[in-house]
């Protein structure tokens, strides 16, 4: 049991380090409520896309959804240009 917890803790710590290697330059998206700054990841990691800045009038979930949509748009562009995913 103890070894399992150590392995799990190590995986969690390392996953944060690995995730940063997939980051793109932050992208700003203009919305009716204001600007959302998104941290997008590689096309294969759209599910990780998240808001790193948002208007006060917007929930974190709403901002994250905008970023996921932006990542999906970039994925479609990537695929149309012959990229794989």
C-alpha atoms as a PDB file:
ATOM      1  CA  UNK A   1       0.000   0.000   0.000  1.00  0.00           C
ATOM      2  CA  UNK A   2       2.780   2.422   0.931  1.00  0.00           C
ATOM      3  CA  UNK A   3       4.674   1.801  -2.321  1.00  0.00           C
ATOM      4  CA  UNK A   4       1.473   2.415  -4.267  1.00  0.00           C
ATOM      5  CA  UNK A   5       1.019   5.795  -2.594  1.00  0.00           C
ATOM      6  CA  UNK A   6       4.619   6.743  -3.330  1.00  0.00           C
ATOM      7  CA  UNK A   7       4.224   5.782  -6.980  1.00  0.00           C
ATOM      8  CA  UNK A   8       0.949   7.728  -7.226  1.00  0.00           C
ATOM      9  CA  UNK A   9       2.468  10.814  -5.581  1.00  0.00           C
ATOM     10  CA  UNK A  10       5.456  10.664  -7.932  1.00  0.00           C
ATOM     11  CA  UNK A  11       3.188  10.409 -10.966  1.00  0.00           C
ATOM     12  CA  UNK A  12       1.193  13.449  -9.854  1.00  0.00           C
ATOM     13  CA  UNK A  13       4.335  15.520  -9.284  1.00  0.00           C
ATOM     14  CA  UNK A  14       5.863  14.510 -12.604  1.00  0.00           C
ATOM     15  CA  UNK A  15       2.671  15.105 -14.572  1.00  0.00           C
ATOM     16  CA  UNK A  16       2.902  18.824 -13.789  1.00  0.00           C
ATOM     17  CA  UNK A  17       6.434  18.943 -15.153  1.00  0.00           C
ATOM     18  CA  UNK A  18       5.516  17.070 -18.299  1.00  0.00           C
ATOM     19  CA  UNK A  19       2.433  19.184 -18.967  1.00  0.00           C
ATOM     20  CA  UNK A  20       4.475  22.377 -19.250  1.00  0.00           C
ATOM     21  CA  UNK A  21       6.442  20.932 -22.155  1.00  0.00           C
ATOM     22  CA  UNK A  22       3.199  20.870 -24.209  1.00  0.00           C
ATOM     23  CA  UNK A  23       2.271  24.533 -23.607  1.00  0.00           C
ATOM     24  CA  UNK A  24       1.954  27.011 -26.435  1.00  0.00           C
ATOM     25  CA  UNK A  25       2.263  30.773 -26.166  1.00  0.00           C
ATOM     26  CA  UNK A  26      -0.875  32.079 -24.394  1.00  0.00           C
ATOM     27  CA  UNK A  27      -3.654  33.226 -26.733  1.00  0.00           C
ATOM     28  CA  UNK A  28      -6.089  36.079 -26.116  1.00  0.00           C
ATOM     29  CA  UNK A  29      -9.735  35.617 -27.122  1.00  0.00           C
ATOM     30  CA  UNK A  30     -12.117  38.597 -27.228  1.00  0.00           C
ATOM     31  CA  UNK A  31     -15.619  37.824 -25.940  1.00  0.00           C
ATOM     32  CA  UNK A  32     -18.680  40.004 -25.275  1.00  0.00           C
ATOM     33  CA  UNK A  33     -17.745  39.925 -21.555  1.00  0.00           C
ATOM     34  CA  UNK A  34     -14.112  40.851 -22.163  1.00  0.00           C
ATOM     35  CA  UNK A  35     -10.763  39.325 -22.981  1.00  0.00           C
ATOM     36  CA  UNK A  36      -9.903  35.760 -21.942  1.00  0.00           C
ATOM     37  CA  UNK A  37      -6.275  34.648 -21.963  1.00  0.00           C
ATOM     38  CA  UNK A  38      -5.939  30.974 -22.763  1.00  0.00           C
ATOM     39  CA  UNK A  39      -3.121  28.541 -22.144  1.00  0.00           C
ATOM     40  CA  UNK A  40      -3.420  26.151 -25.045  1.00  0.00           C
ATOM     41  CA  UNK A  41      -1.494  22.944 -25.438  1.00  0.00           C
ATOM     42  CA  UNK A  42      -0.509  20.857 -28.441  1.00  0.00           C
ATOM     43  CA  UNK A  43      -3.318  19.704 -30.761  1.00  0.00           C
ATOM     44  CA  UNK A  44      -3.274  16.289 -29.104  1.00  0.00           C
ATOM     45  CA  UNK A  45      -3.964  17.901 -25.693  1.00  0.00           C
ATOM     46  CA  UNK A  46      -7.052  20.070 -26.336  1.00  0.00           C
ATOM     47  CA  UNK A  47      -8.679  18.729 -23.160  1.00  0.00           C
ATOM     48  CA  UNK A  48      -5.954  20.511 -21.117  1.00  0.00           C
ATOM     49  CA  UNK A  49      -6.710  23.976 -22.568  1.00  0.00           C
ATOM     50  CA  UNK A  50      -7.614  26.429 -19.815  1.00  0.00           C
ATOM     51  CA  UNK A  51      -8.087  30.104 -18.992  1.00  0.00           C
ATOM     52  CA  UNK A  52      -5.227  31.783 -17.177  1.00  0.00           C
ATOM     53  CA  UNK A  53      -6.920  35.214 -17.081  1.00  0.00           C
ATOM     54  CA  UNK A  54     -10.577  36.192 -17.426  1.00  0.00           C
ATOM     55  CA  UNK A  55     -12.944  39.095 -16.783  1.00  0.00           C
ATOM     56  CA  UNK A  56     -14.350  39.274 -13.241  1.00  0.00           C
ATOM     57  CA  UNK A  57     -17.852  38.923 -14.673  1.00  0.00           C
ATOM     58  CA  UNK A  58     -17.062  35.466 -16.080  1.00  0.00           C
ATOM     59  CA  UNK A  59     -16.842  32.179 -14.193  1.00  0.00           C
ATOM     60  CA  UNK A  60     -13.687  30.075 -14.409  1.00  0.00           C
ATOM     61  CA  UNK A  61     -15.700  27.274 -16.050  1.00  0.00           C
ATOM     62  CA  UNK A  62     -17.097  29.628 -18.696  1.00  0.00           C
ATOM     63  CA  UNK A  63     -13.598  30.959 -19.455  1.00  0.00           C
ATOM     64  CA  UNK A  64     -12.166  27.427 -19.615  1.00  0.00           C
ATOM     65  CA  UNK A  65     -14.928  26.440 -22.067  1.00  0.00           C
ATOM     66  CA  UNK A  66     -13.986  29.381 -24.298  1.00  0.00           C
ATOM     67  CA  UNK A  67     -10.378  28.196 -24.253  1.00  0.00           C
ATOM     68  CA  UNK A  68     -11.358  24.618 -25.050  1.00  0.00           C
ATOM     69  CA  UNK A  69     -13.394  25.918 -28.001  1.00  0.00           C
ATOM     70  CA  UNK A  70     -10.387  27.966 -29.154  1.00  0.00           C
ATOM     71  CA  UNK A  71      -8.171  24.892 -28.889  1.00  0.00           C
ATOM     72  CA  UNK A  72     -10.700  22.889 -30.912  1.00  0.00           C
ATOM     73  CA  UNK A  73     -10.643  25.561 -33.645  1.00  0.00           C
ATOM     74  CA  UNK A  74      -6.866  25.377 -33.770  1.00  0.00           C
ATOM     75  CA  UNK A  75      -7.082  21.578 -33.915  1.00  0.00           C
ATOM     76  CA  UNK A  76      -9.388  21.794 -36.945  1.00  0.00           C
ATOM     77  CA  UNK A  77      -6.926  24.152 -38.649  1.00  0.00           C
ATOM     78  CA  UNK A  78      -4.054  21.802 -37.774  1.00  0.00           C
ATOM     79  CA  UNK A  79      -5.904  18.838 -39.251  1.00  0.00           C
ATOM     80  CA  UNK A  80      -6.891  20.756 -42.403  1.00  0.00           C
ATOM     81  CA  UNK A  81      -3.213  21.527 -42.985  1.00  0.00           C
ATOM     82  CA  UNK A  82      -2.352  17.830 -42.872  1.00  0.00           C
ATOM     83  CA  UNK A  83      -1.470  17.440 -39.186  1.00  0.00           C
ATOM     84  CA  UNK A  84      -2.319  14.271 -37.320  1.00  0.00           C
ATOM     85  CA  UNK A  85      -4.213  13.840 -34.124  1.00  0.00           C
END
